[in-house]
N, C-alpha and C. Protein backbone atom coordinates (compact mmCIF):
# COMPACT_ATOMS: atom_id res chain seq x y z
N MET A 1 79.26 109.33 81.22
CA MET A 1 80.21 108.56 81.30
C MET A 1 80.85 108.29 78.99
N ALA A 2 82.25 107.48 79.11
CA ALA A 2 82.58 107.63 77.37
C ALA A 2 82.60 105.84 77.28
N LYS A 3 82.61 105.22 75.98
CA LYS A 3 82.43 103.61 75.38
C LYS A 3 83.57 102.97 74.75
N LEU A 4 84.51 102.47 75.76
CA LEU A 4 85.50 102.34 74.96
C LEU A 4 84.77 101.52 74.73
N HIS A 5 85.31 100.76 72.99
CA HIS A 5 85.67 99.07 72.12
C HIS A 5 86.93 98.96 71.94
N PHE A 6 86.74 97.56 72.76
CA PHE A 6 88.16 96.90 72.61
C PHE A 6 87.95 95.83 71.70
N LYS A 7 88.15 96.09 69.96
CA LYS A 7 87.97 95.95 68.54
C LYS A 7 88.57 94.75 68.68
N ASP A 8 89.66 94.11 69.33
CA ASP A 8 89.80 92.45 68.50
C ASP A 8 89.10 91.78 70.19
N GLU A 9 88.99 92.26 70.80
CA GLU A 9 87.49 91.91 72.40
C GLU A 9 86.25 90.84 71.50
N ASP A 10 85.62 92.31 70.90
CA ASP A 10 84.86 92.93 70.11
C ASP A 10 84.13 92.59 71.93
N LYS A 11 84.23 93.82 72.70
CA LYS A 11 83.70 94.47 73.79
C LYS A 11 83.81 95.86 73.97
N THR A 12 82.65 95.78 74.01
CA THR A 12 81.97 97.78 74.55
C THR A 12 82.61 98.11 75.98
N ILE A 13 82.26 98.89 77.14
CA ILE A 13 83.03 98.86 77.77
C ILE A 13 81.99 100.21 78.38
N ASP A 14 82.25 100.86 79.40
CA ASP A 14 81.70 101.51 80.25
C ASP A 14 83.62 103.08 80.53
N ILE A 15 83.83 103.45 80.17
CA ILE A 15 85.47 104.25 80.54
C ILE A 15 84.92 105.68 81.32
N GLN A 16 84.93 107.00 82.66
CA GLN A 16 85.15 107.91 83.21
C GLN A 16 85.90 108.78 83.37
N VAL A 17 85.74 110.49 82.43
CA VAL A 17 86.34 111.98 82.26
C VAL A 17 87.63 110.76 83.91
N GLY A 18 88.62 111.20 83.77
CA GLY A 18 89.53 110.85 84.95
C GLY A 18 90.11 109.42 84.63
N GLN A 19 89.30 108.06 84.36
CA GLN A 19 90.12 106.30 84.20
C GLN A 19 91.28 106.52 83.76
N ASN A 20 91.93 106.08 83.48
CA ASN A 20 92.71 105.64 82.81
C ASN A 20 92.40 104.61 81.17
N ILE A 21 92.31 103.89 80.40
CA ILE A 21 92.38 103.16 79.85
C ILE A 21 92.06 101.02 80.36
N LEU A 22 93.76 101.52 81.46
CA LEU A 22 94.33 100.61 81.39
C LEU A 22 92.91 99.51 82.69
N GLU A 23 92.84 101.35 83.32
CA GLU A 23 91.87 100.90 84.89
C GLU A 23 90.58 100.56 84.11
N ALA A 24 90.26 100.92 83.08
CA ALA A 24 88.68 100.75 82.88
C ALA A 24 88.83 99.53 82.12
N ALA A 25 89.71 99.01 81.69
CA ALA A 25 90.13 96.93 80.71
C ALA A 25 89.54 96.31 82.01
N LEU A 26 90.24 96.72 83.34
CA LEU A 26 91.30 95.52 85.12
C LEU A 26 89.56 95.17 85.34
N ALA A 27 88.79 96.84 84.91
CA ALA A 27 87.68 96.73 86.09
C ALA A 27 86.39 96.11 84.89
N ASN A 28 86.48 95.69 84.17
CA ASN A 28 85.57 94.71 82.78
C ASN A 28 86.62 93.50 82.81
N GLU A 29 87.31 93.18 83.63
CA GLU A 29 87.11 91.33 83.20
C GLU A 29 88.63 92.17 81.32
N ILE A 30 89.01 92.84 80.53
CA ILE A 30 89.75 92.56 79.52
C ILE A 30 91.49 92.29 80.80
N ASP A 31 92.09 91.06 79.65
CA ASP A 31 93.01 90.50 79.49
C ASP A 31 94.05 91.66 78.74
N LEU A 32 94.38 92.25 80.23
CA LEU A 32 95.93 93.47 79.03
C LEU A 32 96.38 93.39 79.76
N ASP A 33 97.91 92.81 79.74
CA ASP A 33 99.19 92.34 80.91
C ASP A 33 99.64 94.13 80.93
N HIS A 34 100.35 94.43 81.90
CA HIS A 34 100.36 95.47 82.84
C HIS A 34 101.84 95.43 83.80
N ALA A 35 102.31 93.91 83.25
CA ALA A 35 104.29 93.91 84.33
C ALA A 35 104.34 94.39 85.01
N CYS A 36 103.33 96.34 85.31
CA CYS A 36 104.56 97.59 85.78
C CYS A 36 104.11 97.44 86.78
N GLY A 37 101.89 97.21 86.75
CA GLY A 37 101.29 97.29 87.69
C GLY A 37 100.09 98.57 87.79
N GLY A 38 101.09 99.73 85.95
CA GLY A 38 100.46 100.61 85.70
C GLY A 38 100.42 101.74 86.18
N VAL A 39 102.63 102.22 86.51
CA VAL A 39 103.49 103.27 86.73
C VAL A 39 104.31 103.30 85.39
N CYS A 40 103.85 103.05 84.18
CA CYS A 40 104.30 103.35 83.08
C CYS A 40 106.81 102.59 83.87
N ALA A 41 106.55 101.77 83.76
CA ALA A 41 107.69 100.94 84.05
C ALA A 41 107.86 100.30 82.74
N CYS A 42 107.50 100.15 82.35
CA CYS A 42 107.19 99.20 80.90
C CYS A 42 106.81 99.78 79.55
N SER A 43 106.95 98.35 78.51
CA SER A 43 105.78 98.72 77.04
C SER A 43 104.75 97.63 77.88
N THR A 44 103.94 97.04 78.20
CA THR A 44 103.26 95.74 78.27
C THR A 44 101.98 96.16 78.11
N CYS A 45 101.80 96.69 78.54
CA CYS A 45 100.42 97.67 78.14
C CYS A 45 100.18 98.26 77.14
N HIS A 46 101.19 97.96 76.35
CA HIS A 46 100.62 98.87 75.25
C HIS A 46 99.43 98.47 74.04
N ILE A 47 99.54 99.75 73.97
CA ILE A 47 97.71 99.58 72.99
C ILE A 47 97.27 99.79 71.47
N LYS A 48 96.66 100.19 70.88
CA LYS A 48 96.34 101.34 69.76
C LYS A 48 95.20 101.78 70.11
N ILE A 49 95.24 102.63 69.42
CA ILE A 49 93.45 103.63 70.17
C ILE A 49 93.58 104.35 68.42
N ARG A 50 92.12 103.45 67.65
CA ARG A 50 92.35 103.07 66.72
C ARG A 50 90.99 104.54 66.42
N GLU A 51 90.58 104.85 67.30
CA GLU A 51 89.29 105.66 66.84
C GLU A 51 89.11 106.76 68.33
N GLY A 52 89.31 108.64 68.04
CA GLY A 52 89.64 108.64 69.83
C GLY A 52 90.88 109.32 70.25
N PHE A 53 91.57 109.08 69.69
CA PHE A 53 93.41 109.78 69.94
C PHE A 53 93.33 110.66 70.79
N ASP A 54 92.58 111.85 70.00
CA ASP A 54 93.01 113.27 70.76
C ASP A 54 92.26 113.15 71.75
N LEU A 55 90.89 112.27 72.74
CA LEU A 55 90.33 113.15 73.84
C LEU A 55 91.43 111.97 74.57
N PHE A 56 93.16 111.63 74.86
CA PHE A 56 93.65 111.73 75.99
C PHE A 56 94.82 112.52 75.91
N PRO A 57 95.38 112.48 76.90
CA PRO A 57 96.53 113.65 76.88
C PRO A 57 97.74 113.10 76.04
N GLU A 58 98.38 114.17 75.53
CA GLU A 58 100.65 113.37 74.78
C GLU A 58 100.85 113.20 75.74
N ALA A 59 101.54 112.02 75.27
CA ALA A 59 102.76 111.41 75.78
C ALA A 59 103.73 111.87 75.56
N GLU A 60 103.72 112.05 77.39
CA GLU A 60 105.04 112.39 77.48
C GLU A 60 106.16 111.61 77.80
N GLU A 61 108.03 112.29 78.04
CA GLU A 61 108.67 111.30 77.10
C GLU A 61 108.87 110.20 77.54
N GLU A 62 108.37 110.40 79.46
CA GLU A 62 108.47 109.17 79.53
C GLU A 62 108.43 107.29 79.20
N GLU A 63 106.38 107.98 78.29
CA GLU A 63 106.19 107.50 78.04
C GLU A 63 106.54 106.90 76.36
N GLU A 64 106.49 107.70 76.17
CA GLU A 64 107.52 107.51 74.24
C GLU A 64 108.90 107.09 75.04
N ASP A 65 109.75 106.71 75.88
CA ASP A 65 111.15 106.15 75.80
C ASP A 65 110.30 104.42 76.11
N GLN A 66 109.05 104.63 76.52
CA GLN A 66 108.84 103.30 77.48
C GLN A 66 108.54 102.58 75.86
N LEU A 67 107.86 102.55 74.96
CA LEU A 67 107.41 102.90 73.40
C LEU A 67 108.63 102.41 72.96
N ASP A 68 109.42 102.70 73.31
CA ASP A 68 110.74 102.41 72.77
C ASP A 68 111.23 101.67 71.77
N ASP A 69 111.28 100.52 73.27
CA ASP A 69 110.92 99.31 73.64
C ASP A 69 110.27 97.83 73.38
N ALA A 70 108.20 99.01 73.32
CA ALA A 70 107.69 98.22 72.69
C ALA A 70 107.80 97.45 70.88
N ARG A 71 106.91 96.44 71.15
CA ARG A 71 106.84 95.55 69.48
C ARG A 71 106.42 96.56 69.15
N ASP A 72 105.79 96.40 67.54
CA ASP A 72 105.02 96.58 66.79
C ASP A 72 104.19 98.11 67.49
N ILE A 73 105.20 99.16 66.78
CA ILE A 73 103.92 100.46 67.58
C ILE A 73 103.62 101.33 65.67
N GLU A 74 102.97 102.05 66.30
CA GLU A 74 102.43 102.78 64.81
C GLU A 74 102.62 104.37 65.37
N LEU A 75 101.52 105.04 65.00
CA LEU A 75 102.21 106.00 65.51
C LEU A 75 100.60 107.13 66.51
N CYS A 76 99.37 105.69 66.00
CA CYS A 76 98.58 105.46 67.45
C CYS A 76 98.60 104.68 68.62
N SER A 77 99.61 103.94 68.69
CA SER A 77 100.30 103.10 70.26
C SER A 77 100.66 104.28 71.57
N ARG A 78 100.04 103.45 72.37
CA ARG A 78 100.57 104.54 73.79
C ARG A 78 100.04 103.53 74.67
N LEU A 79 100.87 103.36 76.46
CA LEU A 79 100.39 102.64 76.98
C LEU A 79 98.63 103.51 77.96
N ALA A 80 98.58 102.28 77.87
CA ALA A 80 96.83 102.06 78.96
C ALA A 80 96.62 103.20 79.88
N CYS A 81 97.79 102.18 80.22
CA CYS A 81 98.23 102.70 81.82
C CYS A 81 98.56 104.73 81.80
N GLN A 82 97.74 104.91 80.72
CA GLN A 82 98.54 105.95 80.78
C GLN A 82 97.74 107.22 80.04
N CYS A 83 97.01 106.07 79.39
CA CYS A 83 95.85 107.41 78.13
C CYS A 83 94.44 107.66 79.92
N THR A 84 94.68 109.17 80.28
CA THR A 84 93.36 109.32 81.29
C THR A 84 92.67 109.58 80.22
N LEU A 85 91.20 108.56 80.61
CA LEU A 85 90.47 109.56 79.60
C LEU A 85 89.82 110.85 80.35
N GLN A 86 90.16 112.55 79.16
CA GLN A 86 90.33 113.76 78.90
C GLN A 86 88.39 114.28 79.31
N GLU A 87 87.91 114.07 78.99
CA GLU A 87 86.55 114.26 78.16
C GLU A 87 85.31 113.07 78.66
N GLU A 88 84.04 113.72 78.12
CA GLU A 88 83.05 113.68 77.41
C GLU A 88 82.62 113.54 76.29
N THR A 89 82.25 112.39 75.56
CA THR A 89 82.10 111.98 74.63
C THR A 89 81.62 111.24 74.63
N ASP A 90 80.67 111.91 72.54
CA ASP A 90 79.57 110.71 73.01
C ASP A 90 80.42 109.38 71.72
N GLN A 91 81.55 109.98 71.02
CA GLN A 91 82.57 108.80 70.48
C GLN A 91 82.37 108.03 70.82
N VAL A 92 82.47 106.28 70.10
CA VAL A 92 83.11 105.35 70.62
C VAL A 92 84.54 105.18 70.34
N ILE A 93 85.37 104.76 71.59
CA ILE A 93 86.70 105.20 70.48
C ILE A 93 87.25 103.33 70.98
N GLU A 94 88.00 103.46 70.09
CA GLU A 94 88.10 102.41 69.57
C GLU A 94 89.77 102.27 69.86
N VAL A 95 89.35 100.26 70.50
CA VAL A 95 91.42 100.49 70.99
C VAL A 95 91.40 99.43 70.13
N GLU A 96 92.35 98.45 69.40
CA GLU A 96 92.96 97.04 69.65
C GLU A 96 94.54 97.03 70.64
N ILE A 97 94.40 95.44 71.13
CA ILE A 97 95.56 95.31 72.07
C ILE A 97 96.08 94.27 70.66
N PRO A 98 97.20 94.40 71.23
CA PRO A 98 98.03 93.78 69.67
C PRO A 98 98.61 92.58 70.25
N LEU A 99 98.13 91.07 69.83
CA LEU A 99 97.97 89.98 70.55
C LEU A 99 99.47 89.08 71.31
N TRP A 100 100.56 89.62 70.93
CA TRP A 100 101.02 89.49 71.39
C TRP A 100 101.06 89.61 73.12
N ASN A 101 100.18 91.42 72.64
CA ASN A 101 100.23 91.81 74.39
C ASN A 101 98.84 91.06 75.37
N VAL A 102 98.83 90.31 74.52
CA VAL A 102 97.63 90.20 75.60
C VAL A 102 97.78 88.84 76.97
N ASN A 103 97.01 89.19 77.81
CA ASN A 103 97.20 88.49 79.07
C ASN A 103 96.95 87.27 78.62
N LEU A 104 98.38 85.98 78.83
CA LEU A 104 97.78 84.62 78.65
C LEU A 104 97.54 84.20 80.33
N VAL A 105 97.70 84.17 81.43
CA VAL A 105 97.78 84.13 81.85
C VAL A 105 96.88 83.12 83.10
N GLN A 106 96.01 83.73 82.46
CA GLN A 106 94.25 82.78 83.68
C GLN A 106 93.76 82.41 82.37
N GLU A 107 94.25 82.95 80.61
CA GLU A 107 93.59 80.63 79.73
C GLU A 107 94.49 80.70 79.23
N GLY A 108 95.35 80.72 78.78
CA GLY A 108 96.72 79.88 78.31
C GLY A 108 96.16 80.59 77.52
N PRO A 109 97.17 79.88 76.20
CA PRO A 109 98.22 80.56 75.15
C PRO A 109 96.94 80.31 73.76
N ASP A 110 96.56 78.72 74.40
CA ASP A 110 95.60 79.03 72.72
C ASP A 110 94.21 79.95 72.98
N ALA A 111 93.78 80.94 74.33
CA ALA A 111 92.89 81.39 74.13
C ALA A 111 93.37 82.50 73.10
N ALA A 112 94.05 82.85 73.52
CA ALA A 112 94.31 84.16 72.79
C ALA A 112 94.28 84.14 70.74
N HIS A 113 94.76 82.43 70.80
CA HIS A 113 94.53 82.41 69.52
C HIS A 113 93.17 82.36 68.75
N GLN A 114 92.56 81.70 69.28
CA GLN A 114 90.88 81.15 69.40
C GLN A 114 89.70 83.30 69.33
N ALA A 115 91.03 83.87 70.42
CA ALA A 115 90.13 84.36 69.95
C ALA A 115 90.58 85.78 69.48
N HIS A 116 91.62 85.86 67.86
CA HIS A 116 91.40 86.89 67.77
C HIS A 116 91.95 86.51 66.13
């Protein structure tokens, strides 16, 4: 198992080989929006992989098309639903969830501003 650190949440969780970042986040109560249910049909699970980018497969054309619609993309931008861990590592994978991407359904808009 590898370690996945959500920078803005200041929370580190486990991620297994074969598991994607969205699955790991949801299993550990990390509030990450995912309007399409994790099938690469939207850009709501947009994240930025700050460390460990090379531990995930390259983005396919479908993901790149969805990222074209995301706000504030960078070279390290990915969709969490498409980032499946490929190998075990001792490296801590660092992820940032853009503030606008935090799922506010459960906690309300003030929670995101307090957390970030």
